[in-house]
Protein backbone atom coordinates (compact mmCIF):
# COMPACT_ATOMS: atom_id res chain seq x y z
CA MET A 1 60.67 -29.65 -57.14
CA SER A 2 57.51 -28.28 -55.53
CA PRO A 3 56.33 -30.22 -52.46
CA TRP A 4 52.93 -30.52 -54.07
CA ALA A 5 54.05 -31.36 -57.59
CA SER A 6 53.45 -35.10 -57.24
CA ASP A 7 50.02 -34.48 -55.77
CA TRP A 8 49.28 -32.03 -58.57
CA GLU A 9 50.25 -34.54 -61.25
CA MET A 10 48.15 -37.19 -59.52
CA ARG A 11 45.08 -34.94 -59.53
CA ARG A 12 45.63 -34.07 -63.18
CA SER A 13 45.52 -37.80 -63.96
CA LEU A 14 42.34 -38.43 -61.98
CA ALA A 15 40.20 -37.54 -65.02
CA PRO A 16 37.95 -35.04 -63.22
CA TRP A 17 36.17 -34.42 -66.49
CA GLN A 18 34.66 -37.90 -66.19
CA PHE A 19 33.10 -36.85 -62.91
CA LEU A 20 31.90 -33.55 -64.37
CA THR A 21 30.51 -35.32 -67.44
CA GLY A 22 28.58 -37.76 -65.29
CA TYR A 23 27.31 -34.94 -63.10
CA PHE A 24 26.08 -32.89 -66.06
CA LEU A 25 24.42 -35.97 -67.59
CA ILE A 26 22.49 -36.45 -64.37
CA LEU A 27 21.72 -32.73 -64.28
CA TRP A 28 20.50 -32.82 -67.88
CA TYR A 29 18.20 -35.74 -67.02
CA ILE A 30 16.75 -33.81 -64.07
CA PHE A 31 16.34 -30.70 -66.22
CA SER A 32 14.63 -32.54 -69.08
CA THR A 33 12.33 -34.31 -66.63
CA SER A 34 11.49 -31.00 -64.99
CA VAL A 35 10.78 -29.34 -68.35
CA ALA A 36 8.51 -32.22 -69.33
CA GLN A 37 6.69 -31.97 -66.01
CA MET A 38 6.30 -28.20 -66.38
CA SER A 39 4.93 -28.71 -69.89
CA MET A 40 2.35 -31.15 -68.55
CA GLU A 41 1.39 -28.69 -65.79
CA ILE A 42 1.09 -25.89 -68.35
CA SER A 43 -1.07 -27.97 -70.68
CA GLU A 44 -3.39 -28.92 -67.83
CA SER A 45 -3.68 -25.51 -66.16
CA ARG A 46 -3.27 -23.04 -69.04
CA PRO A 47 -4.71 -23.31 -72.57
CA PHE A 48 -2.17 -23.14 -75.36
CA SER A 49 -4.56 -21.71 -77.97
CA PRO A 50 -4.32 -17.92 -78.13
CA LEU A 51 -6.89 -15.90 -80.06
CA HIS A 52 -4.81 -15.73 -83.21
CA CYS A 53 -4.48 -19.53 -83.22
CA VAL A 54 -8.26 -19.91 -82.99
CA GLN A 55 -8.75 -17.43 -85.79
CA MET A 56 -6.20 -19.31 -87.88
CA SER A 57 -7.99 -22.60 -87.33
CA VAL A 58 -11.37 -21.13 -88.29
CA ALA A 59 -9.88 -19.54 -91.39
CA ASN A 60 -8.36 -22.86 -92.43
CA ASP A 61 -11.62 -24.67 -91.85
CA ILE A 62 -13.77 -22.40 -93.95
CA SER A 63 -11.25 -21.72 -96.73
CA GLY A 64 -12.29 -23.09 -100.09
CA HIS A 65 -15.99 -23.29 -99.12
CA GLU A 66 -18.83 -21.00 -100.08
CA LEU A 67 -20.36 -19.56 -96.92
CA GLY A 68 -22.92 -17.31 -98.57
CA ASP A 69 -24.71 -15.19 -95.97
CA GLU A 70 -24.11 -17.67 -93.17
CA SER A 71 -21.51 -17.06 -90.54
CA PRO A 72 -19.02 -19.65 -89.31
CA VAL A 73 -21.00 -19.89 -86.07
CA SER A 74 -24.23 -20.80 -87.87
CA LEU A 75 -22.40 -23.29 -90.04
CA ALA A 76 -20.93 -24.87 -86.93
CA ARG A 77 -24.39 -25.24 -85.41
CA LYS A 78 -25.61 -26.94 -88.57
CA GLY A 79 -22.56 -29.12 -88.75
CA GLY A 80 -21.52 -27.34 -91.92
CA LEU A 81 -17.94 -26.78 -90.98
CA PRO A 82 -15.72 -29.42 -92.56
CA PRO A 83 -13.61 -31.64 -90.31
CA ALA A 84 -10.14 -30.44 -89.44
CA ASN A 85 -7.63 -31.51 -92.02
CA LYS A 86 -4.01 -32.42 -91.50
CA ALA A 87 -2.75 -29.01 -92.55
CA HIS A 88 -4.95 -27.32 -90.00
CA SER A 89 -3.87 -29.70 -87.23
CA SER A 90 -0.26 -29.10 -88.09
CA SER A 91 -0.65 -25.30 -88.05
CA LEU A 92 -2.45 -25.36 -84.69
CA SER A 93 0.12 -27.74 -83.24
CA ASP A 94 2.96 -25.49 -84.39
CA CYS A 95 1.23 -22.50 -82.82
CA GLU A 96 0.77 -24.27 -79.49
CA GLN A 97 4.36 -25.52 -79.56
CA GLY A 98 5.69 -22.05 -80.23
CA PHE A 99 3.63 -20.63 -77.42
CA SER A 100 4.86 -23.28 -74.97
CA ILE A 101 8.51 -22.80 -75.95
CA GLU A 102 8.21 -19.04 -75.51
CA TYR A 103 6.54 -19.53 -72.15
CA LEU A 104 9.27 -21.93 -70.96
CA GLN A 105 11.99 -19.57 -72.17
CA ALA A 106 10.38 -16.68 -70.29
CA ARG A 107 10.17 -18.77 -67.11
CA LEU A 108 13.81 -19.82 -67.50
CA VAL A 109 14.99 -16.23 -67.90
CA LYS A 110 12.90 -15.12 -64.93
CA SER A 111 14.21 -17.97 -62.77
CA VAL A 112 17.83 -17.16 -63.63
CA LYS A 113 17.27 -13.49 -62.79
CA ILE A 114 15.68 -14.34 -59.43
CA VAL A 115 18.34 -16.84 -58.37
CA MET A 116 21.45 -15.26 -59.86
CA LEU A 117 20.83 -11.49 -59.83
CA THR A 118 18.99 -10.78 -56.58
CA THR A 119 21.96 -10.90 -54.20
CA LYS A 120 25.31 -9.15 -54.32
CA LEU A 121 27.04 -12.25 -52.96
CA ASN A 122 26.76 -13.77 -56.44
CA LEU A 123 29.58 -11.46 -57.50
CA LEU A 124 31.82 -14.12 -55.92
CA LEU A 125 30.53 -16.91 -58.21
CA PRO A 126 33.40 -16.57 -60.75
CA CYS A 127 35.81 -17.55 -57.96
CA GLY A 128 34.64 -21.17 -58.29
CA PRO A 129 35.65 -21.69 -61.95
CA ALA A 130 38.78 -19.62 -61.28
CA ALA A 131 39.79 -22.10 -58.54
CA ILE A 132 39.51 -25.00 -61.01
CA VAL A 133 41.55 -23.16 -63.63
CA VAL A 134 44.26 -22.17 -61.14
CA ASN A 135 44.40 -25.74 -59.85
CA TYR A 136 45.28 -27.10 -63.29
CA LEU A 137 47.59 -24.29 -64.33
CA THR A 138 49.64 -23.93 -61.17
CA ALA A 139 50.53 -25.97 -58.09
CA TYR A 140 49.89 -23.16 -55.62
CA HIS A 141 47.38 -24.55 -53.16
CA GLY A 142 46.94 -21.28 -51.33
CA TRP A 143 45.15 -19.60 -54.24
CA VAL A 144 43.08 -22.69 -55.03
CA PHE A 145 41.94 -22.89 -51.41
CA LEU A 146 41.05 -19.20 -51.14
CA LEU A 147 39.20 -19.14 -54.47
CA SER A 148 37.26 -22.30 -53.59
CA LEU A 149 36.40 -20.82 -50.21
CA LEU A 150 35.10 -17.60 -51.80
CA GLY A 151 33.22 -19.52 -54.49
CA ILE A 152 31.32 -21.59 -51.93
CA ILE A 153 29.99 -18.53 -50.03
CA PRO A 154 27.30 -17.48 -52.58
CA LEU A 155 26.48 -21.12 -53.36
CA ALA A 156 25.75 -21.81 -49.70
CA GLU A 157 23.44 -18.80 -49.52
CA ARG A 158 21.60 -19.73 -52.74
CA LEU A 159 21.23 -23.34 -51.55
CA GLY A 160 19.30 -22.05 -48.55
CA PHE A 161 17.16 -19.90 -50.85
CA ALA A 162 16.28 -22.84 -53.13
CA THR A 163 15.42 -24.98 -50.10
CA GLU A 164 13.06 -22.31 -48.77
CA GLN A 165 11.37 -22.01 -52.17
CA LEU A 166 10.86 -25.77 -52.43
CA ALA A 167 9.42 -25.86 -48.91
CA PHE A 168 6.49 -23.72 -50.11
CA PHE A 169 5.19 -26.65 -52.20
CA THR A 170 5.78 -29.54 -49.79
CA GLY A 171 3.54 -28.71 -46.83
CA PRO A 172 4.60 -28.01 -43.25
CA THR A 173 5.81 -31.51 -42.34
CA ALA A 174 7.83 -32.23 -45.48
CA GLY A 175 9.01 -28.62 -45.56
CA GLY A 176 10.36 -28.88 -42.04
CA LEU A 177 12.19 -32.10 -42.87
CA LEU A 178 13.55 -30.50 -46.04
CA ASN A 179 14.92 -27.51 -44.18
CA ALA A 180 16.37 -29.82 -41.53
CA THR A 181 18.12 -31.85 -44.24
CA PHE A 182 19.50 -29.02 -46.36
CA GLY A 183 20.00 -26.49 -43.57
CA ASN A 184 23.67 -27.38 -43.13
CA ALA A 185 24.26 -29.12 -46.45
CA THR A 186 27.45 -27.18 -47.17
CA GLU A 187 29.15 -28.32 -43.95
CA LEU A 188 28.02 -31.89 -44.49
CA ILE A 189 29.28 -31.96 -48.09
CA ILE A 190 32.70 -30.65 -47.02
CA SER A 191 32.77 -33.21 -44.18
CA ILE A 192 31.92 -36.07 -46.54
CA PHE A 193 34.80 -35.21 -48.88
CA ALA A 194 37.19 -34.82 -45.95
CA LEU A 195 36.01 -38.16 -44.56
CA LYS A 196 36.52 -39.78 -47.95
CA SER A 197 40.08 -38.42 -48.02
CA GLY A 198 40.80 -39.80 -44.52
CA MET A 199 41.11 -36.33 -42.95
CA LEU A 200 39.19 -37.24 -39.80
CA ARG A 201 40.47 -34.32 -37.73
CA VAL A 202 39.30 -31.86 -40.40
CA VAL A 203 35.84 -33.45 -40.21
CA GLN A 204 35.74 -33.20 -36.42
CA GLN A 205 37.08 -29.67 -36.22
CA SER A 206 34.95 -28.27 -39.05
CA LEU A 207 31.75 -29.62 -37.47
CA LEU A 208 32.84 -28.36 -34.06
CA GLY A 209 33.65 -24.97 -35.57
CA SER A 210 30.20 -24.80 -37.12
CA ILE A 211 28.61 -25.23 -33.68
CA LEU A 212 30.88 -22.63 -32.11
CA SER A 213 30.32 -20.18 -34.97
CA ASN A 214 26.54 -20.40 -34.73
CA ILE A 215 26.42 -20.17 -30.94
CA LEU A 216 28.91 -17.34 -30.45
CA LEU A 217 29.37 -15.42 -33.70
CA VAL A 218 25.97 -15.69 -35.43
CA LEU A 219 23.87 -15.34 -32.29
CA GLY A 220 26.19 -12.67 -30.89
CA CYS A 221 25.94 -10.55 -34.03
CA ALA A 222 22.14 -10.94 -34.01
CA PHE A 223 21.89 -9.83 -30.36
CA PHE A 224 24.26 -6.92 -30.94
CA CYS A 225 22.62 -5.61 -34.14
CA GLY A 226 19.12 -6.04 -32.71
CA GLY A 227 20.04 -4.20 -29.53
CA ILE A 228 21.72 -1.36 -31.42
CA SER A 229 18.75 -1.00 -33.78
CA PHE A 230 16.01 -0.83 -31.14
CA HIS A 231 17.90 0.50 -28.08
CA LYS A 232 15.95 -1.84 -25.82
CA GLU A 233 15.90 -5.42 -24.57
CA GLN A 234 14.42 -7.85 -27.06
CA VAL A 235 12.57 -10.97 -25.95
CA PHE A 236 12.35 -14.45 -27.48
CA ASN A 237 10.71 -17.80 -26.80
CA LYS A 238 12.47 -19.02 -23.68
CA SER A 239 11.08 -22.59 -23.79
CA ALA A 240 12.31 -23.30 -27.33
CA ALA A 241 15.76 -21.90 -26.52
CA THR A 242 15.93 -23.99 -23.36
CA MET A 243 15.06 -27.16 -25.29
CA ASN A 244 17.83 -26.51 -27.81
CA SER A 245 20.29 -25.83 -24.99
CA GLY A 246 19.34 -29.18 -23.47
CA LEU A 247 20.00 -30.95 -26.75
CA LEU A 248 23.40 -29.26 -27.00
CA LEU A 249 24.24 -30.50 -23.51
CA ILE A 250 23.26 -34.03 -24.58
CA ALA A 251 25.64 -33.68 -27.52
CA VAL A 252 28.41 -32.50 -25.17
CA MET A 253 27.80 -35.58 -23.01
CA GLY A 254 28.07 -37.78 -26.11
CA LEU A 255 31.43 -36.20 -27.02
CA LEU A 256 32.73 -36.13 -23.47
CA SER A 257 32.35 -39.87 -22.74
CA PRO A 258 34.78 -41.18 -25.41
CA ALA A 259 37.28 -38.41 -24.64
CA VAL A 260 37.29 -39.15 -20.89
CA LEU A 261 37.46 -42.89 -21.60
CA HIS A 262 40.51 -42.31 -23.79
CA TYR A 263 42.43 -39.94 -21.51
CA THR A 264 41.79 -41.93 -18.32
CA HIS A 265 43.03 -45.13 -20.05
CA THR A 266 40.05 -47.09 -18.72
CA GLU A 267 39.04 -48.78 -21.97
CA ALA A 268 38.32 -52.49 -21.78
CA HIS A 269 39.87 -52.88 -25.23
CA PHE A 270 42.24 -50.07 -26.22
CA GLY A 271 40.90 -48.26 -29.29
CA ALA A 272 38.08 -50.70 -29.97
CA SER A 273 35.97 -49.74 -26.94
CA GLU A 274 36.24 -46.02 -27.75
CA LEU A 275 35.16 -46.60 -31.37
CA ALA A 276 32.31 -48.92 -30.40
CA LEU A 277 31.06 -46.45 -27.79
CA SER A 278 31.17 -43.63 -30.35
CA ARG A 279 29.12 -45.60 -32.86
CA PHE A 280 26.54 -46.62 -30.28
CA THR A 281 26.27 -43.08 -28.93
CA SER A 282 25.93 -41.69 -32.46
CA SER A 283 23.04 -44.04 -33.17
CA VAL A 284 21.29 -42.90 -29.98
CA MET A 285 21.88 -39.23 -30.85
CA LEU A 286 20.38 -39.73 -34.31
CA LEU A 287 17.35 -41.37 -32.71
CA VAL A 288 16.95 -38.47 -30.27
CA TYR A 289 17.20 -35.97 -33.11
CA ALA A 290 14.57 -37.85 -35.14
CA PHE A 291 12.13 -37.69 -32.22
CA TYR A 292 12.99 -34.01 -31.76
CA ILE A 293 12.11 -33.28 -35.40
CA VAL A 294 8.79 -35.11 -35.07
CA PHE A 295 7.99 -33.25 -31.84
CA GLN A 296 8.88 -29.88 -33.35
CA LEU A 297 6.82 -30.45 -36.48
CA LYS A 298 3.73 -31.55 -34.55
CA ASN A 299 4.12 -28.76 -32.00
CA GLN A 300 4.55 -26.09 -34.69
CA LYS A 301 1.58 -27.48 -36.61
CA VAL A 302 -0.64 -26.87 -33.59
CA THR A 303 0.75 -23.58 -32.28
CA SER A 304 1.82 -21.63 -35.36
CA ASP A 305 -1.37 -21.59 -37.46
CA ARG A 306 -2.33 -18.08 -36.34
CA ALA A 307 1.14 -16.69 -37.02
CA ASP A 308 1.15 -18.28 -40.46
CA GLU A 309 -2.19 -16.66 -41.30
CA GLU A 310 -0.92 -13.24 -40.20
CA GLU A 311 2.27 -13.46 -42.26
CA SER A 312 0.90 -15.28 -45.31
CA ALA A 313 0.10 -12.07 -47.15
CA ASP A 314 3.71 -10.88 -46.94
CA ASN A 315 5.91 -13.95 -46.81
CA ASP A 316 4.15 -17.07 -48.11
CA VAL A 317 4.71 -16.41 -51.81
CA ALA A 318 7.13 -18.58 -53.76
CA GLU A 319 9.34 -16.73 -56.21
CA ILE A 320 10.10 -19.78 -58.37
CA SER A 321 8.15 -22.94 -59.17
CA LYS A 322 8.60 -26.33 -57.55
CA TRP A 323 10.53 -27.92 -60.40
CA GLU A 324 12.70 -24.85 -60.84
CA ALA A 325 13.64 -25.16 -57.15
CA VAL A 326 14.50 -28.85 -57.68
CA VAL A 327 16.74 -28.04 -60.64
CA TRP A 328 18.49 -25.23 -58.77
CA LEU A 329 19.04 -27.49 -55.75
CA ALA A 330 20.71 -30.05 -58.01
CA VAL A 331 22.86 -27.43 -59.75
CA ILE A 332 23.98 -25.65 -56.58
CA ALA A 333 24.61 -28.84 -54.57
CA GLY A 334 26.63 -30.24 -57.47
CA TRP A 335 28.86 -27.16 -57.68
CA ILE A 336 29.33 -27.13 -53.92
CA SER A 337 30.45 -30.76 -54.16
CA VAL A 338 32.95 -29.94 -56.91
CA LEU A 339 34.44 -26.97 -55.05
CA SER A 340 34.42 -28.87 -51.75
CA GLU A 341 36.67 -31.52 -53.27
CA TYR A 342 39.20 -28.88 -54.33
CA LEU A 343 38.86 -27.20 -50.94
CA VAL A 344 39.58 -30.37 -48.98
CA ARG A 345 42.47 -31.43 -51.22
CA THR A 346 44.26 -28.12 -50.78
CA ILE A 347 43.83 -27.60 -47.01
CA GLU A 348 47.25 -28.98 -46.08
CA GLY A 349 49.03 -27.14 -48.91
CA ALA A 350 47.21 -23.91 -48.06
CA SER A 351 48.23 -24.30 -44.43
CA LEU A 352 51.87 -24.40 -45.50
CA ALA A 353 51.59 -21.66 -48.13
CA LEU A 354 49.56 -19.23 -46.02
CA LYS A 355 51.27 -20.19 -42.72
CA ILE A 356 47.91 -20.82 -41.03
CA PRO A 357 47.37 -23.84 -38.75
CA ILE A 358 45.04 -26.52 -40.08
CA ALA A 359 43.06 -26.35 -36.83
CA PHE A 360 42.33 -22.65 -37.42
CA ILE A 361 41.29 -23.31 -41.02
CA SER A 362 38.98 -26.15 -39.97
CA VAL A 363 37.42 -24.49 -36.91
CA VAL A 364 37.18 -20.87 -38.09
CA LEU A 365 37.45 -20.39 -41.87
CA LEU A 366 35.40 -23.35 -43.14
CA PRO A 367 32.44 -22.85 -40.74
CA VAL A 368 32.27 -19.11 -41.41
CA VAL A 369 31.86 -19.88 -45.11
CA GLY A 370 29.29 -22.61 -44.50
CA ASN A 371 27.29 -20.40 -42.11
CA ALA A 372 27.18 -17.37 -44.41
CA ALA A 373 23.43 -17.75 -44.97
CA GLU A 374 22.75 -18.11 -41.23
CA HIS A 375 24.83 -14.97 -40.53
CA ALA A 376 22.84 -12.84 -42.94
CA SER A 377 19.36 -14.15 -42.04
CA ALA A 378 19.89 -14.05 -38.25
CA ILE A 379 21.09 -10.43 -38.33
CA THR A 380 18.31 -9.40 -40.71
CA PHE A 381 15.54 -10.87 -38.54
CA ALA A 382 17.04 -9.42 -35.36
CA MET A 383 17.04 -5.94 -36.90
CA LYS A 384 13.33 -6.47 -37.72
CA ASP A 385 12.62 -7.31 -34.05
CA LYS A 386 11.93 -10.96 -34.91
CA LEU A 387 14.39 -12.39 -32.43
CA ASP A 388 12.60 -15.75 -32.17
CA ILE A 389 13.55 -16.46 -35.78
CA SER A 390 17.16 -15.32 -35.21
CA VAL A 391 17.54 -17.56 -32.16
CA GLY A 392 15.91 -20.42 -34.04
CA VAL A 393 18.32 -20.02 -36.97
CA ALA A 394 21.48 -19.84 -34.86
CA ILE A 395 20.69 -22.32 -32.09
CA GLY A 396 18.69 -24.63 -34.37
CA SER A 397 21.60 -24.90 -36.79
CA SER A 398 23.98 -25.68 -33.91
CA THR A 399 21.61 -28.33 -32.60
CA GLN A 400 21.35 -29.91 -36.03
CA ILE A 401 25.12 -30.14 -36.42
CA ALA A 402 25.59 -31.47 -32.88
CA MET A 403 22.76 -34.01 -32.90
CA PHE A 404 22.73 -34.93 -36.59
CA GLY A 405 25.86 -33.80 -38.44
CA ILE A 406 28.43 -35.24 -36.04
CA PRO A 407 26.74 -38.64 -35.41
CA PHE A 408 25.93 -38.91 -39.13
CA SER A 409 29.62 -38.49 -39.93
CA VAL A 410 30.48 -41.25 -37.44
CA VAL A 411 27.94 -43.64 -38.96
CA LEU A 412 29.01 -42.73 -42.50
CA GLY A 413 32.65 -43.32 -41.55
CA TRP A 414 31.59 -46.69 -40.16
CA LEU A 415 30.04 -47.58 -43.53
CA MET A 416 33.12 -46.28 -45.40
CA GLY A 417 35.55 -48.16 -43.16
CA ARG A 418 36.97 -45.00 -41.58
CA PRO A 419 37.62 -44.98 -37.80
CA MET A 420 35.65 -41.78 -37.24
CA ASP A 421 34.72 -41.46 -33.54
CA LEU A 422 33.38 -38.95 -31.04
CA ASN A 423 36.73 -38.38 -29.35
CA PHE A 424 37.26 -34.76 -30.40
CA GLN A 425 40.30 -34.50 -28.10
CA LEU A 426 40.28 -32.88 -24.69
CA PHE A 427 40.95 -29.31 -25.85
CA GLU A 428 38.07 -29.18 -28.33
CA THR A 429 35.61 -30.94 -26.02
CA ALA A 430 36.40 -28.58 -23.14
CA ILE A 431 35.86 -25.50 -25.33
CA LEU A 432 32.53 -26.86 -26.56
CA PHE A 433 31.41 -27.63 -22.99
CA ILE A 434 32.26 -24.10 -21.77
CA THR A 435 30.60 -22.55 -24.84
CA VAL A 436 27.32 -24.40 -24.24
CA LEU A 437 27.39 -23.30 -20.58
CA VAL A 438 27.88 -19.67 -21.63
CA LEU A 439 24.98 -20.02 -24.06
CA ALA A 440 22.70 -21.49 -21.37
CA PHE A 441 23.40 -18.57 -19.02
CA MET A 442 22.78 -16.04 -21.82
CA LEU A 443 19.41 -17.55 -22.72
CA GLN A 444 18.05 -18.28 -19.25
CA ASP A 445 16.02 -15.06 -18.87
CA GLY A 446 14.56 -15.04 -22.41
CA SER A 447 15.86 -11.57 -23.29
CA SER A 448 18.78 -10.06 -25.15
CA ASN A 449 20.60 -6.75 -25.57
CA TYR A 450 23.61 -5.43 -27.41
CA PHE A 451 25.95 -6.13 -24.46
CA LYS A 452 25.08 -9.84 -24.47
CA GLY A 453 25.80 -9.92 -28.18
CA LEU A 454 29.11 -8.16 -27.69
CA MET A 455 30.14 -10.69 -25.02
CA LEU A 456 29.32 -13.62 -27.32
CA VAL A 457 31.32 -12.13 -30.20
CA LEU A 458 34.32 -11.47 -27.93
CA CYS A 459 34.09 -15.05 -26.64
CA TYR A 460 34.29 -16.21 -30.25
CA LEU A 461 37.43 -14.13 -30.79
CA ILE A 462 39.00 -15.87 -27.78
CA VAL A 463 38.07 -19.28 -29.21
CA ALA A 464 39.48 -18.36 -32.64
CA ALA A 465 42.75 -17.16 -31.10
CA SER A 466 42.96 -20.39 -29.06
CA PHE A 467 42.77 -22.53 -32.17
CA TYR A 468 45.33 -20.36 -33.94
CA VAL A 469 47.95 -21.42 -31.39
CA HIS A 470 46.57 -24.93 -30.86
CA VAL A 471 48.62 -27.96 -31.94
CA ASP A 472 46.98 -31.34 -32.45
CA PRO A 473 48.31 -34.17 -30.26
CA LYS A 474 49.79 -37.31 -31.76
CA PRO A 475 48.22 -40.68 -30.93
CA ASN A 476 50.93 -41.32 -28.32
CA GLY A 477 50.18 -38.08 -26.51
CA ASP A 478 52.94 -35.91 -27.97
CA THR A 479 52.11 -32.81 -29.99
CA VAL A 480 52.42 -32.39 -33.73
CA PRO A 481 54.67 -29.45 -34.56
CA LEU A 482 53.33 -26.60 -36.62
CA PRO A 483 54.03 -26.96 -40.35
CA SER A 484 57.15 -25.23 -41.56
CA PRO A 485 56.90 -23.26 -44.81
CA GLU A 486 60.34 -24.50 -45.85
CA ALA A 487 59.16 -28.13 -45.77
């Protein structure tokens, strides 16, 4: 009997179609509300009476009446036109309704083309439904995991696109908060499902891997590609990079305290003190991040007006409407949630089937998928000599995960009754500390070149290899052996 057969039967009896039905009912409500809102906006901003409708109404009004030598205009001035009858009102209403339906259909087709056909990554979208089909036809977790992983890649990129489009209609303050909330939504969704399943180490390692991936891989590729493209040193805003480095060091301090407390056995109450300290520290980190967001929004509002005016002609044009962006956010986030559940449920089975350690999957594979959008955008902006944006994407995303994603997971675990803490174990905390130090030294002069990028990428390869041979310790200090494929 397959080692995952019982788990497979259990998941087949979980009635996932009830969840999907509820999700699509909610989605249909959002869609219908959005269509109604768009119809109201259309009726207020654009007349629904084309020329042929007006001509039809005039013809209906004057039919059956002798006009003589007088025109319809002169009759109207004299009040000679008869009042609109029910047949005329019905014909005009049908004309307006047909025009509005055609207009909505055209907008729907255009929106689908923009969102679904403008990037080659969407060729991976069929992998998502394929993962669901394979999950219910076979018990092979390796294929389900790989297909779910590939299916999430284009969804993560399109989620970032929909967020950017919605930010056009919300103003600078709300737009900044929106980007801060949805910037790492994929990682947070995966973490929530892992937390719900009690896989606390997967939550910790996936969030840690997201920080490491952004600092070393994303930023390193941006530095390397920018340096190769321009054959010169590129410069960026040193003060903003220094502030983000300081926040990352604060996050390292928050993770280091519970780990040192645990490994020095100096807790006042074994287990309880570590958990209480983690929850208190997480609350403080969330407060610091909230003040950081407020500071950034106010600072950008004062200093970036001139840059916005210069780039408005090229960049500040939304490709889809506000309500279309809302609908797409709901659709994409819902599908990411569905695939994330399959992804989390098959991690352990995929580790056995593919003979890959869970630590490597959590720290390397999951973050690379979640950071696909950051990878593409950071490299693109660096090759356009806009290194400030590349550094902001990479370091800003790392700061958000460190100061918001990790403490949010601790607080959410507190509410869910899960003992999620900031003790990421000594090995992981030490790697994060060294990585942040390397980043600080790379950013201290405010310039970059291809050699700095190459060093960061090679550092990431060292980190990935370290987690490939890393074994998680047991609570008593022993190590957990690597999974055997024969088990």
